[in-house]
Amino acid sequence: MNHLGTISYESVSLWVSLASLLVSIAAVWIAKSSLSRAEDSLRQAERVADRDLRDWRQRTWFDLFVIADEVHTSLLFFKTEYGSPSSPPWGNGERQQDFNNLVTILAKAYTKAVVFPINPATDEFFSSVAAIKSGEDALSEELLNKIFDSVEKIRQKALIHPGVLG
C-alpha cells in the first residue's frame, strides 16, 4: 500500500502535540490577559477605597465640627441671655431649662468627640467642655474663648478637600 494513504501513529501524535501546544499557548495568553484585567480592577478598587476612606474621615470631622459649633453657639446664647447682673436668678425655671439644654448639647458633643483618636483639636475641646460643671462656668468668657479656639481647630480638620467641589 501507498505510504501517502496510511496514517502512522507518530504523525497523529505529532499533530495532537501541536494542537495541545497551540491550546496551551492560547490558555496562557488568556490567563495573562485575565491577570492584567484583575490587577487593573484591584488598583481601581484600591483607589476607590482610599477615596471613600478619605471622604469618610472628612465627613466624620465635619460631623464633629457641627456639634462642636453647636456647643459654642449654645454657650454664647447662654452667656448673652444670662451673663448680665439683670438676668433672672437660678431659681428661674427658664434659666434652668436653658442650662439643662446646654448640658444635653455638651453631652452629645462629648460623646461624639470621645471616639476620635488622640488629637490636639479634640483634646482641647474635651478639656474645655469638661470644665463646664455649673451655670457659672457656662458664663465664663475665658471658657467661651477656649471653646471657640478648639472649634476652629476642628473646623480646620473638617475643611472640604478641593477635589470634592471641583
N, C-alpha and C. Protein backbone atom coordinates (compact mmCIF):
# COMPACT_ATOMS: atom_id res chain seq x y z
N MET A 1 0.83 -1.18 0.00
CA MET A 1 0.00 0.00 0.00
C MET A 1 0.87 1.23 0.00
N ASN A 2 0.29 2.27 -0.45
CA ASN A 2 0.99 3.54 -0.60
C ASN A 2 1.18 4.20 0.76
N HIS A 3 2.36 4.80 0.94
CA HIS A 3 2.63 5.50 2.22
C HIS A 3 1.79 6.76 2.39
N LEU A 4 1.33 7.28 1.33
CA LEU A 4 0.53 8.50 1.41
C LEU A 4 -0.87 8.23 1.95
N GLY A 5 -1.37 7.09 1.77
CA GLY A 5 -2.70 6.76 2.20
C GLY A 5 -2.79 6.27 3.62
N THR A 6 -1.70 6.01 4.25
CA THR A 6 -1.74 5.48 5.61
C THR A 6 -1.36 6.57 6.60
N ILE A 7 -1.94 6.48 7.74
CA ILE A 7 -1.64 7.43 8.82
C ILE A 7 -0.91 6.64 9.89
N SER A 8 0.23 7.12 10.22
CA SER A 8 1.00 6.43 11.24
C SER A 8 0.73 7.03 12.61
N TYR A 9 1.00 6.23 13.59
CA TYR A 9 0.82 6.64 14.98
C TYR A 9 1.67 7.87 15.28
N GLU A 10 2.88 7.94 14.76
CA GLU A 10 3.79 9.05 15.02
C GLU A 10 3.25 10.35 14.44
N SER A 11 2.66 10.33 13.27
CA SER A 11 2.15 11.57 12.67
C SER A 11 0.92 12.07 13.41
N VAL A 12 0.06 11.18 13.87
CA VAL A 12 -1.10 11.58 14.67
C VAL A 12 -0.64 12.17 15.98
N SER A 13 0.33 11.54 16.57
CA SER A 13 0.86 12.02 17.83
C SER A 13 1.48 13.41 17.66
N LEU A 14 2.16 13.64 16.57
CA LEU A 14 2.75 14.96 16.29
C LEU A 14 1.67 16.02 16.16
N TRP A 15 0.62 15.72 15.43
CA TRP A 15 -0.46 16.70 15.25
C TRP A 15 -1.21 16.96 16.56
N VAL A 16 -1.41 15.95 17.33
CA VAL A 16 -2.07 16.13 18.64
C VAL A 16 -1.18 16.98 19.54
N SER A 17 0.11 16.73 19.50
CA SER A 17 1.04 17.52 20.31
C SER A 17 1.05 18.97 19.87
N LEU A 18 1.03 19.22 18.57
CA LEU A 18 0.99 20.60 18.06
C LEU A 18 -0.31 21.29 18.47
N ALA A 19 -1.41 20.57 18.36
CA ALA A 19 -2.70 21.14 18.77
C ALA A 19 -2.70 21.45 20.26
N SER A 20 -2.13 20.56 21.06
CA SER A 20 -2.05 20.78 22.51
C SER A 20 -1.18 22.00 22.81
N LEU A 21 -0.10 22.14 22.06
CA LEU A 21 0.78 23.29 22.25
C LEU A 21 0.04 24.59 21.94
N LEU A 22 -0.70 24.60 20.84
CA LEU A 22 -1.47 25.80 20.47
C LEU A 22 -2.53 26.12 21.53
N VAL A 23 -3.20 25.10 22.02
CA VAL A 23 -4.21 25.31 23.07
C VAL A 23 -3.54 25.85 24.33
N SER A 24 -2.38 25.32 24.67
CA SER A 24 -1.65 25.79 25.86
C SER A 24 -1.22 27.24 25.70
N ILE A 25 -0.72 27.60 24.53
CA ILE A 25 -0.31 28.98 24.27
C ILE A 25 -1.51 29.91 24.38
N ALA A 26 -2.63 29.50 23.80
CA ALA A 26 -3.85 30.31 23.89
C ALA A 26 -4.30 30.44 25.35
N ALA A 27 -4.22 29.36 26.11
CA ALA A 27 -4.63 29.41 27.52
C ALA A 27 -3.73 30.34 28.32
N VAL A 28 -2.43 30.31 28.05
CA VAL A 28 -1.50 31.21 28.75
C VAL A 28 -1.81 32.66 28.39
N TRP A 29 -2.06 32.91 27.12
CA TRP A 29 -2.38 34.29 26.70
C TRP A 29 -3.67 34.78 27.36
N ILE A 30 -4.69 33.92 27.41
CA ILE A 30 -5.96 34.28 28.06
C ILE A 30 -5.75 34.49 29.56
N ALA A 31 -4.93 33.65 30.17
CA ALA A 31 -4.66 33.79 31.60
C ALA A 31 -3.93 35.10 31.90
N LYS A 32 -2.95 35.44 31.05
CA LYS A 32 -2.22 36.71 31.24
C LYS A 32 -3.16 37.90 31.06
N SER A 33 -4.02 37.81 30.08
CA SER A 33 -4.99 38.88 29.85
C SER A 33 -5.93 39.02 31.05
N SER A 34 -6.40 37.90 31.57
CA SER A 34 -7.27 37.91 32.75
C SER A 34 -6.55 38.46 33.97
N LEU A 35 -5.29 38.09 34.13
CA LEU A 35 -4.49 38.60 35.25
C LEU A 35 -4.32 40.11 35.14
N SER A 36 -4.05 40.58 33.95
CA SER A 36 -3.90 42.02 33.75
C SER A 36 -5.19 42.77 34.09
N ARG A 37 -6.33 42.22 33.66
CA ARG A 37 -7.62 42.85 33.99
C ARG A 37 -7.89 42.80 35.49
N ALA A 38 -7.54 41.70 36.10
CA ALA A 38 -7.74 41.58 37.55
C ALA A 38 -6.87 42.58 38.31
N GLU A 39 -5.62 42.75 37.87
CA GLU A 39 -4.73 43.72 38.51
C GLU A 39 -5.26 45.13 38.33
N ASP A 40 -5.77 45.46 37.13
CA ASP A 40 -6.38 46.78 36.89
C ASP A 40 -7.59 46.99 37.80
N SER A 41 -8.41 45.96 37.93
CA SER A 41 -9.59 46.06 38.80
C SER A 41 -9.18 46.26 40.25
N LEU A 42 -8.14 45.56 40.68
CA LEU A 42 -7.66 45.69 42.04
C LEU A 42 -7.14 47.10 42.29
N ARG A 43 -6.36 47.64 41.35
CA ARG A 43 -5.86 49.02 41.51
C ARG A 43 -7.01 50.02 41.57
N GLN A 44 -8.01 49.82 40.72
CA GLN A 44 -9.16 50.72 40.73
C GLN A 44 -9.92 50.60 42.05
N ALA A 45 -10.10 49.38 42.54
CA ALA A 45 -10.79 49.18 43.82
C ALA A 45 -10.01 49.83 44.97
N GLU A 46 -8.69 49.74 44.94
CA GLU A 46 -7.87 50.38 45.98
C GLU A 46 -8.03 51.90 45.93
N ARG A 47 -8.06 52.47 44.72
CA ARG A 47 -8.25 53.93 44.58
C ARG A 47 -9.61 54.34 45.13
N VAL A 48 -10.64 53.58 44.80
CA VAL A 48 -11.99 53.88 45.28
C VAL A 48 -12.04 53.77 46.80
N ALA A 49 -11.43 52.72 47.34
CA ALA A 49 -11.43 52.53 48.80
C ALA A 49 -10.68 53.66 49.49
N ASP A 50 -9.54 54.08 48.94
CA ASP A 50 -8.79 55.20 49.51
C ASP A 50 -9.61 56.49 49.48
N ARG A 51 -10.27 56.73 48.34
CA ARG A 51 -11.10 57.94 48.22
C ARG A 51 -12.26 57.89 49.21
N ASP A 52 -12.91 56.73 49.32
CA ASP A 52 -14.03 56.60 50.25
C ASP A 52 -13.58 56.79 51.70
N LEU A 53 -12.42 56.25 52.04
CA LEU A 53 -11.89 56.42 53.40
C LEU A 53 -11.59 57.89 53.68
N ARG A 54 -10.96 58.56 52.72
CA ARG A 54 -10.66 59.98 52.86
C ARG A 54 -11.94 60.80 53.03
N ASP A 55 -12.96 60.48 52.22
CA ASP A 55 -14.25 61.19 52.32
C ASP A 55 -14.93 60.90 53.66
N TRP A 56 -14.88 59.64 54.11
CA TRP A 56 -15.48 59.28 55.40
C TRP A 56 -14.81 60.05 56.53
N ARG A 57 -13.47 60.10 56.50
CA ARG A 57 -12.76 60.84 57.54
C ARG A 57 -13.17 62.30 57.55
N GLN A 58 -13.27 62.90 56.37
CA GLN A 58 -13.66 64.30 56.29
C GLN A 58 -15.08 64.50 56.81
N ARG A 59 -16.00 63.63 56.40
CA ARG A 59 -17.39 63.74 56.89
C ARG A 59 -17.45 63.59 58.41
N THR A 60 -16.63 62.69 58.95
CA THR A 60 -16.62 62.47 60.39
C THR A 60 -16.12 63.71 61.12
N TRP A 61 -15.04 64.32 60.61
CA TRP A 61 -14.57 65.58 61.21
C TRP A 61 -15.63 66.67 61.07
N PHE A 62 -16.31 66.69 59.92
CA PHE A 62 -17.34 67.71 59.73
C PHE A 62 -18.48 67.51 60.72
N ASP A 63 -18.89 66.26 60.93
CA ASP A 63 -19.96 65.98 61.91
C ASP A 63 -19.55 66.46 63.30
N LEU A 64 -18.29 66.22 63.67
CA LEU A 64 -17.81 66.70 64.97
C LEU A 64 -17.79 68.22 65.00
N PHE A 65 -17.38 68.83 63.90
CA PHE A 65 -17.37 70.30 63.84
C PHE A 65 -18.77 70.86 64.06
N VAL A 66 -19.77 70.26 63.42
CA VAL A 66 -21.14 70.77 63.55
C VAL A 66 -21.59 70.74 65.01
N ILE A 67 -21.36 69.63 65.71
CA ILE A 67 -21.80 69.55 67.10
C ILE A 67 -20.94 70.44 68.00
N ALA A 68 -19.65 70.57 67.71
CA ALA A 68 -18.79 71.45 68.49
C ALA A 68 -19.21 72.91 68.30
N ASP A 69 -19.56 73.26 67.08
CA ASP A 69 -20.03 74.62 66.83
C ASP A 69 -21.36 74.87 67.53
N GLU A 70 -22.19 73.84 67.61
CA GLU A 70 -23.45 73.96 68.34
C GLU A 70 -23.19 74.21 69.83
N VAL A 71 -22.17 73.58 70.36
CA VAL A 71 -21.78 73.84 71.75
C VAL A 71 -21.40 75.31 71.92
N HIS A 72 -20.55 75.80 71.01
CA HIS A 72 -20.12 77.20 71.11
C HIS A 72 -21.31 78.14 70.98
N THR A 73 -22.18 77.89 70.02
CA THR A 73 -23.35 78.75 69.82
C THR A 73 -24.27 78.71 71.04
N SER A 74 -24.46 77.54 71.61
CA SER A 74 -25.32 77.41 72.80
C SER A 74 -24.71 78.14 74.00
N LEU A 75 -23.40 78.01 74.15
CA LEU A 75 -22.73 78.74 75.24
C LEU A 75 -22.85 80.24 75.05
N LEU A 76 -22.66 80.67 73.81
CA LEU A 76 -22.78 82.10 73.50
C LEU A 76 -24.19 82.60 73.82
N PHE A 77 -25.20 81.82 73.44
CA PHE A 77 -26.58 82.19 73.76
C PHE A 77 -26.77 82.27 75.26
N PHE A 78 -26.30 81.24 75.98
CA PHE A 78 -26.48 81.20 77.43
C PHE A 78 -25.79 82.39 78.09
N LYS A 79 -24.58 82.69 77.64
CA LYS A 79 -23.83 83.81 78.22
C LYS A 79 -24.52 85.13 77.91
N THR A 80 -25.01 85.27 76.70
CA THR A 80 -25.71 86.51 76.32
C THR A 80 -27.01 86.65 77.09
N GLU A 81 -27.72 85.56 77.24
CA GLU A 81 -29.03 85.58 77.89
C GLU A 81 -28.92 85.78 79.41
N TYR A 82 -27.91 85.15 80.03
CA TYR A 82 -27.87 85.10 81.49
C TYR A 82 -26.58 85.66 82.10
N GLY A 83 -25.75 86.28 81.30
CA GLY A 83 -24.46 86.75 81.80
C GLY A 83 -24.45 88.13 82.40
N SER A 84 -25.57 88.81 82.42
CA SER A 84 -25.60 90.16 83.00
C SER A 84 -26.20 90.12 84.39
N PRO A 85 -25.87 91.13 85.20
CA PRO A 85 -26.44 91.17 86.57
C PRO A 85 -27.97 91.22 86.58
N SER A 86 -28.57 91.71 85.50
CA SER A 86 -30.04 91.82 85.46
C SER A 86 -30.72 90.55 84.98
N SER A 87 -29.95 89.49 84.72
CA SER A 87 -30.55 88.24 84.23
C SER A 87 -31.34 87.57 85.35
N PRO A 88 -32.28 86.72 84.98
CA PRO A 88 -33.10 86.04 86.00
C PRO A 88 -32.24 85.18 86.93
N PRO A 89 -32.65 85.01 88.17
CA PRO A 89 -31.88 84.19 89.10
C PRO A 89 -31.95 82.71 88.73
N TRP A 90 -31.08 81.89 89.38
CA TRP A 90 -31.02 80.46 89.06
C TRP A 90 -32.31 79.74 89.40
N GLY A 91 -33.07 80.24 90.27
CA GLY A 91 -34.33 79.59 90.60
C GLY A 91 -35.34 79.67 89.47
N ASN A 92 -35.09 80.54 88.50
CA ASN A 92 -35.99 80.73 87.39
C ASN A 92 -36.03 79.46 86.54
N GLY A 93 -37.22 78.95 86.26
CA GLY A 93 -37.39 77.70 85.52
C GLY A 93 -36.84 77.76 84.11
N GLU A 94 -36.99 78.90 83.44
CA GLU A 94 -36.50 79.03 82.07
C GLU A 94 -34.96 78.97 82.03
N ARG A 95 -34.33 79.62 82.98
CA ARG A 95 -32.86 79.60 83.04
C ARG A 95 -32.35 78.17 83.29
N GLN A 96 -33.02 77.48 84.21
CA GLN A 96 -32.62 76.10 84.50
C GLN A 96 -32.85 75.21 83.28
N GLN A 97 -33.95 75.43 82.57
CA GLN A 97 -34.23 74.64 81.35
C GLN A 97 -33.17 74.92 80.28
N ASP A 98 -32.79 76.18 80.10
CA ASP A 98 -31.75 76.52 79.12
C ASP A 98 -30.41 75.88 79.49
N PHE A 99 -30.11 75.86 80.78
CA PHE A 99 -28.87 75.22 81.21
C PHE A 99 -28.93 73.71 80.98
N ASN A 100 -30.09 73.11 81.25
CA ASN A 100 -30.25 71.68 81.00
C ASN A 100 -30.08 71.36 79.51
N ASN A 101 -30.62 72.22 78.65
CA ASN A 101 -30.45 72.05 77.20
C ASN A 101 -28.98 72.16 76.82
N LEU A 102 -28.28 73.09 77.43
CA LEU A 102 -26.85 73.27 77.18
C LEU A 102 -26.08 72.01 77.59
N VAL A 103 -26.41 71.47 78.75
CA VAL A 103 -25.74 70.25 79.23
C VAL A 103 -26.00 69.09 78.28
N THR A 104 -27.19 69.00 77.74
CA THR A 104 -27.52 67.94 76.77
C THR A 104 -26.66 68.06 75.53
N ILE A 105 -26.49 69.27 75.03
CA ILE A 105 -25.66 69.50 73.84
C ILE A 105 -24.20 69.18 74.16
N LEU A 106 -23.75 69.57 75.35
CA LEU A 106 -22.38 69.26 75.76
C LEU A 106 -22.16 67.74 75.80
N ALA A 107 -23.14 67.02 76.33
CA ALA A 107 -23.02 65.56 76.42
C ALA A 107 -22.97 64.92 75.03
N LYS A 108 -23.80 65.40 74.11
CA LYS A 108 -23.79 64.87 72.74
C LYS A 108 -22.44 65.12 72.06
N ALA A 109 -21.92 66.33 72.24
CA ALA A 109 -20.63 66.66 71.63
C ALA A 109 -19.52 65.83 72.24
N TYR A 110 -19.55 65.68 73.54
CA TYR A 110 -18.52 64.89 74.22
C TYR A 110 -18.57 63.44 73.74
N THR A 111 -19.78 62.90 73.61
CA THR A 111 -19.94 61.52 73.15
C THR A 111 -19.39 61.34 71.74
N LYS A 112 -19.63 62.29 70.87
CA LYS A 112 -19.13 62.19 69.50
C LYS A 112 -17.61 62.33 69.48
N ALA A 113 -17.07 63.25 70.26
CA ALA A 113 -15.63 63.52 70.24
C ALA A 113 -14.81 62.43 70.93
N VAL A 114 -15.41 61.74 71.88
CA VAL A 114 -14.65 60.77 72.67
C VAL A 114 -14.17 59.58 71.84
N VAL A 115 -14.78 59.30 70.71
CA VAL A 115 -14.38 58.16 69.89
C VAL A 115 -13.24 58.51 68.92
N PHE A 116 -12.85 59.77 68.87
CA PHE A 116 -11.76 60.18 67.98
C PHE A 116 -10.42 59.77 68.57
N PRO A 117 -9.44 59.50 67.69
CA PRO A 117 -8.09 59.21 68.19
C PRO A 117 -7.54 60.45 68.90
N ILE A 118 -6.50 60.23 69.69
CA ILE A 118 -5.88 61.35 70.39
C ILE A 118 -5.42 62.37 69.36
N ASN A 119 -5.86 63.61 69.57
CA ASN A 119 -5.60 64.67 68.61
C ASN A 119 -5.64 65.98 69.38
N PRO A 120 -4.74 66.93 69.09
CA PRO A 120 -4.75 68.20 69.83
C PRO A 120 -6.08 68.94 69.74
N ALA A 121 -6.74 68.89 68.60
CA ALA A 121 -8.01 69.60 68.44
C ALA A 121 -9.09 69.01 69.35
N THR A 122 -9.21 67.68 69.37
CA THR A 122 -10.23 67.06 70.21
C THR A 122 -9.84 67.13 71.69
N ASP A 123 -8.55 67.03 71.99
CA ASP A 123 -8.10 67.14 73.38
C ASP A 123 -8.46 68.51 73.96
N GLU A 124 -8.23 69.55 73.18
CA GLU A 124 -8.56 70.90 73.65
C GLU A 124 -10.08 71.04 73.83
N PHE A 125 -10.83 70.47 72.91
CA PHE A 125 -12.28 70.52 73.02
C PHE A 125 -12.76 69.78 74.27
N PHE A 126 -12.20 68.57 74.50
CA PHE A 126 -12.55 67.80 75.71
C PHE A 126 -12.32 68.61 76.97
N SER A 127 -11.12 69.17 77.09
CA SER A 127 -10.79 69.88 78.32
C SER A 127 -11.69 71.09 78.51
N SER A 128 -12.04 71.77 77.43
CA SER A 128 -12.92 72.94 77.54
C SER A 128 -14.32 72.53 77.95
N VAL A 129 -14.85 71.49 77.33
CA VAL A 129 -16.21 71.04 77.65
C VAL A 129 -16.26 70.48 79.07
N ALA A 130 -15.22 69.73 79.45
CA ALA A 130 -15.19 69.13 80.79
C ALA A 130 -15.13 70.19 81.89
N ALA A 131 -14.66 71.39 81.54
CA ALA A 131 -14.54 72.45 82.54
C ALA A 131 -15.90 73.06 82.90
N ILE A 132 -16.92 72.78 82.12
CA ILE A 132 -18.26 73.34 82.40
C ILE A 132 -18.98 72.41 83.36
N LYS A 133 -18.98 72.79 84.61
CA LYS A 133 -19.61 71.97 85.64
C LYS A 133 -20.81 72.65 86.28
N SER A 134 -20.97 73.94 85.98
CA SER A 134 -22.08 74.68 86.59
C SER A 134 -22.50 75.80 85.64
N GLY A 135 -23.60 76.43 86.01
CA GLY A 135 -24.08 77.57 85.23
C GLY A 135 -23.09 78.72 85.23
N GLU A 136 -22.37 78.88 86.33
CA GLU A 136 -21.37 79.95 86.40
C GLU A 136 -20.22 79.67 85.43
N ASP A 137 -19.82 78.39 85.32
CA ASP A 137 -18.77 78.04 84.36
C ASP A 137 -19.21 78.37 82.94
N ALA A 138 -20.50 78.16 82.64
CA ALA A 138 -21.03 78.40 81.30
C ALA A 138 -21.03 79.88 80.96
N LEU A 139 -20.88 80.74 81.98
CA LEU A 139 -20.86 82.19 81.74
C LEU A 139 -19.44 82.73 81.58
N SER A 140 -18.45 81.89 81.71
CA SER A 140 -17.05 82.32 81.66
C SER A 140 -16.64 82.74 80.24
N GLU A 141 -16.16 83.96 80.14
CA GLU A 141 -15.67 84.47 78.84
C GLU A 141 -14.43 83.71 78.41
N GLU A 142 -13.57 83.39 79.37
CA GLU A 142 -12.34 82.66 79.06
C GLU A 142 -12.67 81.27 78.50
N LEU A 143 -13.62 80.60 79.11
CA LEU A 143 -14.02 79.28 78.65
C LEU A 143 -14.68 79.35 77.27
N LEU A 144 -15.49 80.37 77.05
CA LEU A 144 -16.11 80.56 75.75
C LEU A 144 -15.05 80.74 74.67
N ASN A 145 -14.01 81.50 74.97
CA ASN A 145 -12.92 81.70 74.01
C ASN A 145 -12.13 80.41 73.77
N LYS A 146 -11.91 79.63 74.83
CA LYS A 146 -11.21 78.34 74.67
C LYS A 146 -12.01 77.40 73.77
N ILE A 147 -13.31 77.37 73.98
CA ILE A 147 -14.15 76.51 73.15
C ILE A 147 -14.15 77.01 71.71
N PHE A 148 -14.21 78.32 71.52
CA PHE A 148 -14.15 78.86 70.17
C PHE A 148 -12.85 78.45 69.48
N ASP A 149 -11.74 78.56 70.18
CA ASP A 149 -10.45 78.17 69.60
C ASP A 149 -10.42 76.68 69.25
N SER A 150 -10.96 75.84 70.13
CA SER A 150 -10.96 74.40 69.85
C SER A 150 -11.90 74.07 68.68
N VAL A 151 -13.01 74.77 68.58
CA VAL A 151 -13.92 74.56 67.46
C VAL A 151 -13.23 74.97 66.15
N GLU A 152 -12.44 76.01 66.19
CA GLU A 152 -11.71 76.44 65.00
C GLU A 152 -10.71 75.37 64.56
N LYS A 153 -10.04 74.74 65.51
CA LYS A 153 -9.10 73.67 65.16
C LYS A 153 -9.83 72.48 64.55
N ILE A 154 -10.99 72.16 65.07
CA ILE A 154 -11.80 71.08 64.50
C ILE A 154 -12.28 71.48 63.10
N ARG A 155 -12.65 72.75 62.93
CA ARG A 155 -13.09 73.23 61.61
C ARG A 155 -11.98 73.07 60.58
N GLN A 156 -10.75 73.34 60.99
CA GLN A 156 -9.61 73.19 60.07
C GLN A 156 -9.49 71.74 59.60
N LYS A 157 -9.77 70.80 60.50
CA LYS A 157 -9.72 69.38 60.13
C LYS A 157 -10.88 69.01 59.20
N ALA A 158 -11.99 69.74 59.32
CA ALA A 158 -13.20 69.41 58.58
C ALA A 158 -13.28 70.09 57.22
N LEU A 159 -12.31 70.92 56.89
CA LEU A 159 -12.36 71.64 55.61
C LEU A 159 -12.52 70.69 54.45
N ILE A 160 -13.33 71.07 53.50
CA ILE A 160 -13.62 70.24 52.33
C ILE A 160 -12.40 70.21 51.42
N HIS A 161 -12.03 69.01 50.98
CA HIS A 161 -10.92 68.87 50.05
C HIS A 161 -11.31 69.54 48.73
N PRO A 162 -10.38 70.27 48.11
CA PRO A 162 -10.71 70.97 46.85
C PRO A 162 -11.30 70.06 45.78
N GLY A 163 -10.85 68.82 45.70
CA GLY A 163 -11.35 67.91 44.68
C GLY A 163 -12.82 67.54 44.85
N VAL A 164 -13.36 67.70 46.05
CA VAL A 164 -14.75 67.33 46.32
C VAL A 164 -15.70 68.27 45.58
N LEU A 165 -15.34 69.54 45.51
CA LEU A 165 -16.24 70.52 44.90
C LEU A 165 -15.95 70.76 43.42
N GLY A 166 -14.79 70.31 42.96
CA GLY A 166 -14.39 70.59 41.59
C GLY A 166 -14.86 69.64 40.64
